[in-house]
Amino acid sequence: MEETRKRVIVNEIHYWKNHQLLPKEYCDFLLALYTEGEEDVSSDKKAFPYRSWFTFVCIMILLSLLPSSFLVIYFTEISMLMQTGLHLIFLTFTAFGYWYLKKANSIYVHIAIIVFLLILFIFSVYIVQMKAQQMVLLHITILINCILWIFIGVWKKVFYLIASGIIGFVMWLLFIFF
């Protein structure tokens, strides 16, 4: 293959790698193939230098939302309307974090899923306790949350959600019958 054509292909592969159009491993393989092993493919120049920084901040905020949600419910004396609004903001931010991490093809997308489902669980149990004040509705809410976890786990093929839903369901059964 002529040298200018190789150079064009190598530049195109670098572009794909820098803009994450192909996985890094594929690009490294193609670079090694087209340069015949002469180019150092381990040097990563990031096209978006702040992406890892923004991902880190997003994950830290997501992780802080879970204890914040717990604190808002159990250790503050703000109105129920304000708590509902804060939890809707927390759930919205968690959904945004899921969307961003999924778009970035990050492994940390699972943190967003877990935080979202746990905040939803805490909030739904709190709402039922405050408004309905009936144990039957509380048990139904817990059961619906466990079924939701199992359903999402099967739909997204995420084993830990299936396991969490099943463990929660078994614990609920043990609480009911023992």
C-alpha atoms as a PDB file:
ATOM      1  CA  MET A   1       0.000   0.000   0.000  1.00  0.00           C
ATOM      2  CA  GLU A   2       1.364   3.420  -0.838  1.00  0.00           C
ATOM      3  CA  GLU A   3       2.614   5.577   2.011  1.00  0.00           C
ATOM      4  CA  THR A   4       0.184   8.511   1.605  1.00  0.00           C
ATOM      5  CA  ARG A   5      -2.794   6.178   1.652  1.00  0.00           C
ATOM      6  CA  LYS A   6      -1.491   4.499   4.823  1.00  0.00           C
ATOM      7  CA  ARG A   7      -0.997   7.887   6.449  1.00  0.00           C
ATOM      8  CA  VAL A   8      -4.579   8.923   5.611  1.00  0.00           C
ATOM      9  CA  ILE A   9      -5.928   5.690   7.092  1.00  0.00           C
ATOM     10  CA  VAL A  10      -3.777   6.046  10.232  1.00  0.00           C
ATOM     11  CA  ASN A  11      -4.938   9.650  10.683  1.00  0.00           C
ATOM     12  CA  GLU A  12      -8.544   8.543  10.289  1.00  0.00           C
ATOM     13  CA  ILE A  13      -8.066   5.823  12.919  1.00  0.00           C
ATOM     14  CA  HIS A  14      -6.550   8.413  15.288  1.00  0.00           C
ATOM     15  CA  TYR A  15      -9.596  10.590  14.701  1.00  0.00           C
ATOM     16  CA  TRP A  16     -11.928   7.660  15.524  1.00  0.00           C
ATOM     17  CA  LYS A  17      -9.950   6.914  18.666  1.00  0.00           C
ATOM     18  CA  ASN A  18      -9.847  10.527  19.879  1.00  0.00           C
ATOM     19  CA  HIS A  19     -13.555  11.060  19.315  1.00  0.00           C
ATOM     20  CA  GLN A  20     -14.475   7.619  20.653  1.00  0.00           C
ATOM     21  CA  LEU A  21     -16.175   6.481  17.468  1.00  0.00           C
ATOM     22  CA  LEU A  22     -14.648   3.030  17.948  1.00  0.00           C
ATOM     23  CA  PRO A  23     -13.477   1.370  21.157  1.00  0.00           C
ATOM     24  CA  LYS A  24      -9.883   2.115  22.094  1.00  0.00           C
ATOM     25  CA  GLU A  25      -8.841  -1.518  21.739  1.00  0.00           C
ATOM     26  CA  TYR A  26     -10.135  -1.723  18.154  1.00  0.00           C
ATOM     27  CA  CYS A  27      -8.300   1.459  17.218  1.00  0.00           C
ATOM     28  CA  ASP A  28      -5.069   0.213  18.794  1.00  0.00           C
ATOM     29  CA  PHE A  29      -5.383  -3.014  16.828  1.00  0.00           C
ATOM     30  CA  LEU A  30      -6.018  -1.170  13.550  1.00  0.00           C
ATOM     31  CA  LEU A  31      -3.127   1.208  14.217  1.00  0.00           C
ATOM     32  CA  ALA A  32      -0.792  -1.697  14.886  1.00  0.00           C
ATOM     33  CA  LEU A  33      -2.014  -3.366  11.704  1.00  0.00           C
ATOM     34  CA  TYR A  34      -1.621  -0.348   9.418  1.00  0.00           C
ATOM     35  CA  THR A  35       1.637   0.927  10.897  1.00  0.00           C
ATOM     36  CA  GLU A  36       3.042  -2.603  11.021  1.00  0.00           C
ATOM     37  CA  GLY A  37       3.863  -2.135  14.689  1.00  0.00           C
ATOM     38  CA  GLU A  38       6.106   0.886  14.134  1.00  0.00           C
ATOM     39  CA  GLU A  39       3.920   3.480  15.865  1.00  0.00           C
ATOM     40  CA  ASP A  40       3.459   3.689  19.618  1.00  0.00           C
ATOM     41  CA  VAL A  41      -0.283   3.163  20.123  1.00  0.00           C
ATOM     42  CA  SER A  42      -0.134   3.390  23.902  1.00  0.00           C
ATOM     43  CA  SER A  43       0.187   7.172  23.926  1.00  0.00           C
ATOM     44  CA  ASP A  44      -3.327   8.421  24.485  1.00  0.00           C
ATOM     45  CA  LYS A  45      -4.041  12.000  23.609  1.00  0.00           C
ATOM     46  CA  LYS A  46      -7.460  12.790  24.903  1.00  0.00           C
ATOM     47  CA  ALA A  47      -9.725  14.715  22.554  1.00  0.00           C
ATOM     48  CA  PHE A  48     -11.822  15.772  25.533  1.00  0.00           C
ATOM     49  CA  PRO A  49      -9.409  16.338  28.439  1.00  0.00           C
ATOM     50  CA  TYR A  50     -12.180  17.261  30.882  1.00  0.00           C
ATOM     51  CA  ARG A  51     -14.350  14.236  30.212  1.00  0.00           C
ATOM     52  CA  SER A  52     -12.721  12.128  32.926  1.00  0.00           C
ATOM     53  CA  TRP A  53     -12.874  15.065  35.345  1.00  0.00           C
ATOM     54  CA  PHE A  54     -16.566  15.648  34.606  1.00  0.00           C
ATOM     55  CA  THR A  55     -17.275  11.923  34.967  1.00  0.00           C
ATOM     56  CA  PHE A  56     -15.554  11.919  38.355  1.00  0.00           C
ATOM     57  CA  VAL A  57     -17.606  14.901  39.559  1.00  0.00           C
ATOM     58  CA  CYS A  58     -20.801  13.325  38.232  1.00  0.00           C
ATOM     59  CA  ILE A  59     -20.105  10.075  40.088  1.00  0.00           C
ATOM     60  CA  MET A  60     -19.289  11.889  43.333  1.00  0.00           C
ATOM     61  CA  ILE A  61     -22.513  13.883  43.119  1.00  0.00           C
ATOM     62  CA  LEU A  62     -24.465  10.698  42.371  1.00  0.00           C
ATOM     63  CA  LEU A  63     -22.941   8.981  45.381  1.00  0.00           C
ATOM     64  CA  SER A  64     -23.713  11.960  47.607  1.00  0.00           C
ATOM     65  CA  LEU A  65     -27.370  11.984  46.527  1.00  0.00           C
ATOM     66  CA  LEU A  66     -28.121   8.736  48.322  1.00  0.00           C
ATOM     67  CA  PRO A  67     -27.179   9.883  51.844  1.00  0.00           C
ATOM     68  CA  SER A  68     -28.652  13.313  51.043  1.00  0.00           C
ATOM     69  CA  SER A  69     -31.942  11.665  50.211  1.00  0.00           C
ATOM     70  CA  PHE A  70     -31.887   9.784  53.483  1.00  0.00           C
ATOM     71  CA  LEU A  71     -31.017  12.961  55.404  1.00  0.00           C
ATOM     72  CA  VAL A  72     -33.756  14.986  53.736  1.00  0.00           C
ATOM     73  CA  ILE A  73     -36.375  12.445  54.745  1.00  0.00           C
ATOM     74  CA  TYR A  74     -35.361  11.471  58.245  1.00  0.00           C
ATOM     75  CA  PHE A  75     -33.320  14.333  59.709  1.00  0.00           C
ATOM     76  CA  THR A  76     -34.971  17.520  58.492  1.00  0.00           C
ATOM     77  CA  GLU A  77     -38.251  19.135  59.326  1.00  0.00           C
ATOM     78  CA  ILE A  78     -39.068  20.620  55.962  1.00  0.00           C
ATOM     79  CA  SER A  79     -42.515  20.211  54.480  1.00  0.00           C
ATOM     80  CA  MET A  80     -43.548  17.136  52.580  1.00  0.00           C
ATOM     81  CA  LEU A  81     -43.956  19.217  49.415  1.00  0.00           C
ATOM     82  CA  MET A  82     -40.362  20.446  49.690  1.00  0.00           C
ATOM     83  CA  GLN A  83     -39.097  16.900  50.313  1.00  0.00           C
ATOM     84  CA  THR A  84     -41.020  15.684  47.279  1.00  0.00           C
ATOM     85  CA  GLY A  85     -39.516  18.454  45.166  1.00  0.00           C
ATOM     86  CA  LEU A  86     -35.991  17.689  46.371  1.00  0.00           C
ATOM     87  CA  HIS A  87     -36.411  13.994  45.670  1.00  0.00           C
ATOM     88  CA  LEU A  88     -37.726  14.696  42.191  1.00  0.00           C
ATOM     89  CA  ILE A  89     -34.642  16.850  41.596  1.00  0.00           C
ATOM     90  CA  PHE A  90     -32.442  14.029  42.915  1.00  0.00           C
ATOM     91  CA  LEU A  91     -34.157  11.494  40.637  1.00  0.00           C
ATOM     92  CA  THR A  92     -33.869  13.858  37.660  1.00  0.00           C
ATOM     93  CA  PHE A  93     -30.170  14.403  38.274  1.00  0.00           C
ATOM     94  CA  THR A  94     -29.651  10.664  38.651  1.00  0.00           C
ATOM     95  CA  ALA A  95     -31.468  10.066  35.362  1.00  0.00           C
ATOM     96  CA  PHE A  96     -29.221  12.721  33.750  1.00  0.00           C
ATOM     97  CA  GLY A  97     -26.170  10.966  35.250  1.00  0.00           C
ATOM     98  CA  TYR A  98     -27.365   7.667  33.784  1.00  0.00           C
ATOM     99  CA  TRP A  99     -27.848   9.280  30.377  1.00  0.00           C
ATOM    100  CA  TYR A 100     -24.415  10.954  30.452  1.00  0.00           C
ATOM    101  CA  LEU A 101     -22.555   7.852  31.642  1.00  0.00           C
ATOM    102  CA  LYS A 102     -24.375   5.658  29.125  1.00  0.00           C
ATOM    103  CA  LYS A 103     -23.523   8.111  26.339  1.00  0.00           C
ATOM    104  CA  ALA A 104     -19.884   8.123  27.465  1.00  0.00           C
ATOM    105  CA  ASN A 105     -19.980   4.304  27.454  1.00  0.00           C
ATOM    106  CA  SER A 106     -18.718   4.276  31.019  1.00  0.00           C
ATOM    107  CA  ILE A 107     -18.704   1.338  33.385  1.00  0.00           C
ATOM    108  CA  TYR A 108     -19.955   3.740  36.073  1.00  0.00           C
ATOM    109  CA  VAL A 109     -23.432   3.742  34.536  1.00  0.00           C
ATOM    110  CA  HIS A 110     -24.266   1.049  37.085  1.00  0.00           C
ATOM    111  CA  ILE A 111     -23.731   3.531  39.918  1.00  0.00           C
ATOM    112  CA  ALA A 112     -26.436   5.738  38.429  1.00  0.00           C
ATOM    113  CA  ILE A 113     -28.819   2.781  38.131  1.00  0.00           C
ATOM    114  CA  ILE A 114     -28.250   1.712  41.733  1.00  0.00           C
ATOM    115  CA  VAL A 115     -28.567   5.249  43.136  1.00  0.00           C
ATOM    116  CA  PHE A 116     -31.731   5.903  41.123  1.00  0.00           C
ATOM    117  CA  LEU A 117     -33.435   2.731  42.308  1.00  0.00           C
ATOM    118  CA  LEU A 118     -32.403   3.206  45.940  1.00  0.00           C
ATOM    119  CA  ILE A 119     -33.601   6.823  46.029  1.00  0.00           C
ATOM    120  CA  LEU A 120     -36.853   5.708  44.415  1.00  0.00           C
ATOM    121  CA  PHE A 121     -37.190   2.982  47.060  1.00  0.00           C
ATOM    122  CA  ILE A 122     -36.483   5.329  49.987  1.00  0.00           C
ATOM    123  CA  PHE A 123     -38.821   7.978  48.625  1.00  0.00           C
ATOM    124  CA  SER A 124     -41.713   5.637  47.795  1.00  0.00           C
ATOM    125  CA  VAL A 125     -41.559   3.980  51.221  1.00  0.00           C
ATOM    126  CA  TYR A 126     -41.513   7.402  52.882  1.00  0.00           C
ATOM    127  CA  ILE A 127     -44.500   8.657  50.872  1.00  0.00           C
ATOM    128  CA  VAL A 128     -46.528   5.558  51.726  1.00  0.00           C
ATOM    129  CA  GLN A 129     -45.610   5.804  55.410  1.00  0.00           C
ATOM    130  CA  MET A 130     -46.587   9.468  55.609  1.00  0.00           C
ATOM    131  CA  LYS A 131     -49.731   9.477  53.489  1.00  0.00           C
ATOM    132  CA  ALA A 132     -51.303   6.037  53.772  1.00  0.00           C
ATOM    133  CA  GLN A 133     -50.033   4.933  57.187  1.00  0.00           C
ATOM    134  CA  GLN A 134     -51.185   1.383  56.480  1.00  0.00           C
ATOM    135  CA  MET A 135     -48.841  -1.562  56.705  1.00  0.00           C
ATOM    136  CA  VAL A 136     -50.540  -3.324  53.795  1.00  0.00           C
ATOM    137  CA  LEU A 137     -49.695  -0.468  51.418  1.00  0.00           C
ATOM    138  CA  LEU A 138     -46.142  -0.345  52.749  1.00  0.00           C
ATOM    139  CA  HIS A 139     -45.704  -4.048  52.031  1.00  0.00           C
ATOM    140  CA  ILE A 140     -47.164  -3.606  48.544  1.00  0.00           C
ATOM    141  CA  THR A 141     -44.765  -0.707  47.894  1.00  0.00           C
ATOM    142  CA  ILE A 142     -41.763  -2.769  48.964  1.00  0.00           C
ATOM    143  CA  LEU A 143     -42.957  -5.671  46.827  1.00  0.00           C
ATOM    144  CA  ILE A 144     -43.444  -3.413  43.795  1.00  0.00           C
ATOM    145  CA  ASN A 145     -39.926  -2.032  44.233  1.00  0.00           C
ATOM    146  CA  CYS A 146     -38.454  -5.557  44.376  1.00  0.00           C
ATOM    147  CA  ILE A 147     -40.410  -6.582  41.281  1.00  0.00           C
ATOM    148  CA  LEU A 148     -39.248  -3.398  39.531  1.00  0.00           C
ATOM    149  CA  TRP A 149     -35.621  -4.271  40.320  1.00  0.00           C
ATOM    150  CA  ILE A 150     -36.082  -7.796  38.954  1.00  0.00           C
ATOM    151  CA  PHE A 151     -37.844  -6.486  35.835  1.00  0.00           C
ATOM    152  CA  ILE A 152     -35.157  -3.890  35.092  1.00  0.00           C
ATOM    153  CA  GLY A 153     -32.444  -6.481  35.793  1.00  0.00           C
ATOM    154  CA  VAL A 154     -33.959  -8.910  33.282  1.00  0.00           C
ATOM    155  CA  TRP A 155     -34.604  -6.131  30.746  1.00  0.00           C
ATOM    156  CA  LYS A 156     -31.081  -4.670  30.947  1.00  0.00           C
ATOM    157  CA  LYS A 157     -29.453  -8.067  31.614  1.00  0.00           C
ATOM    158  CA  VAL A 158     -27.954  -6.846  34.891  1.00  0.00           C
ATOM    159  CA  PHE A 159     -27.476  -9.706  37.331  1.00  0.00           C
ATOM    160  CA  TYR A 160     -27.035  -7.655  40.490  1.00  0.00           C
ATOM    161  CA  LEU A 161     -30.485  -6.086  40.069  1.00  0.00           C
ATOM    162  CA  ILE A 162     -32.088  -9.483  39.635  1.00  0.00           C
ATOM    163  CA  ALA A 163     -30.254 -10.767  42.708  1.00  0.00           C
ATOM    164  CA  SER A 164     -31.154  -7.656  44.744  1.00  0.00           C
ATOM    165  CA  GLY A 165     -34.792  -7.943  43.782  1.00  0.00           C
ATOM    166  CA  ILE A 166     -34.916 -11.624  44.689  1.00  0.00           C
ATOM    167  CA  ILE A 167     -33.081 -11.063  47.984  1.00  0.00           C
ATOM    168  CA  GLY A 168     -35.421  -8.186  48.826  1.00  0.00           C
ATOM    169  CA  PHE A 169     -38.435 -10.329  47.994  1.00  0.00           C
ATOM    170  CA  VAL A 170     -37.147 -13.186  50.182  1.00  0.00           C
ATOM    171  CA  MET A 171     -36.433 -10.779  53.050  1.00  0.00           C
ATOM    172  CA  TRP A 172     -39.917  -9.343  52.664  1.00  0.00           C
ATOM    173  CA  LEU A 173     -41.395 -12.859  52.824  1.00  0.00           C
ATOM    174  CA  LEU A 174     -39.335 -13.652  55.929  1.00  0.00           C
ATOM    175  CA  PHE A 175     -40.526 -10.451  57.572  1.00  0.00           C
ATOM    176  CA  ILE A 176     -44.157 -11.226  56.750  1.00  0.00           C
ATOM    177  CA  PHE A 177     -44.201 -14.853  57.832  1.00  0.00           C
ATOM    178  CA  PHE A 178     -41.704 -14.930  60.704  1.00  0.00           C
END
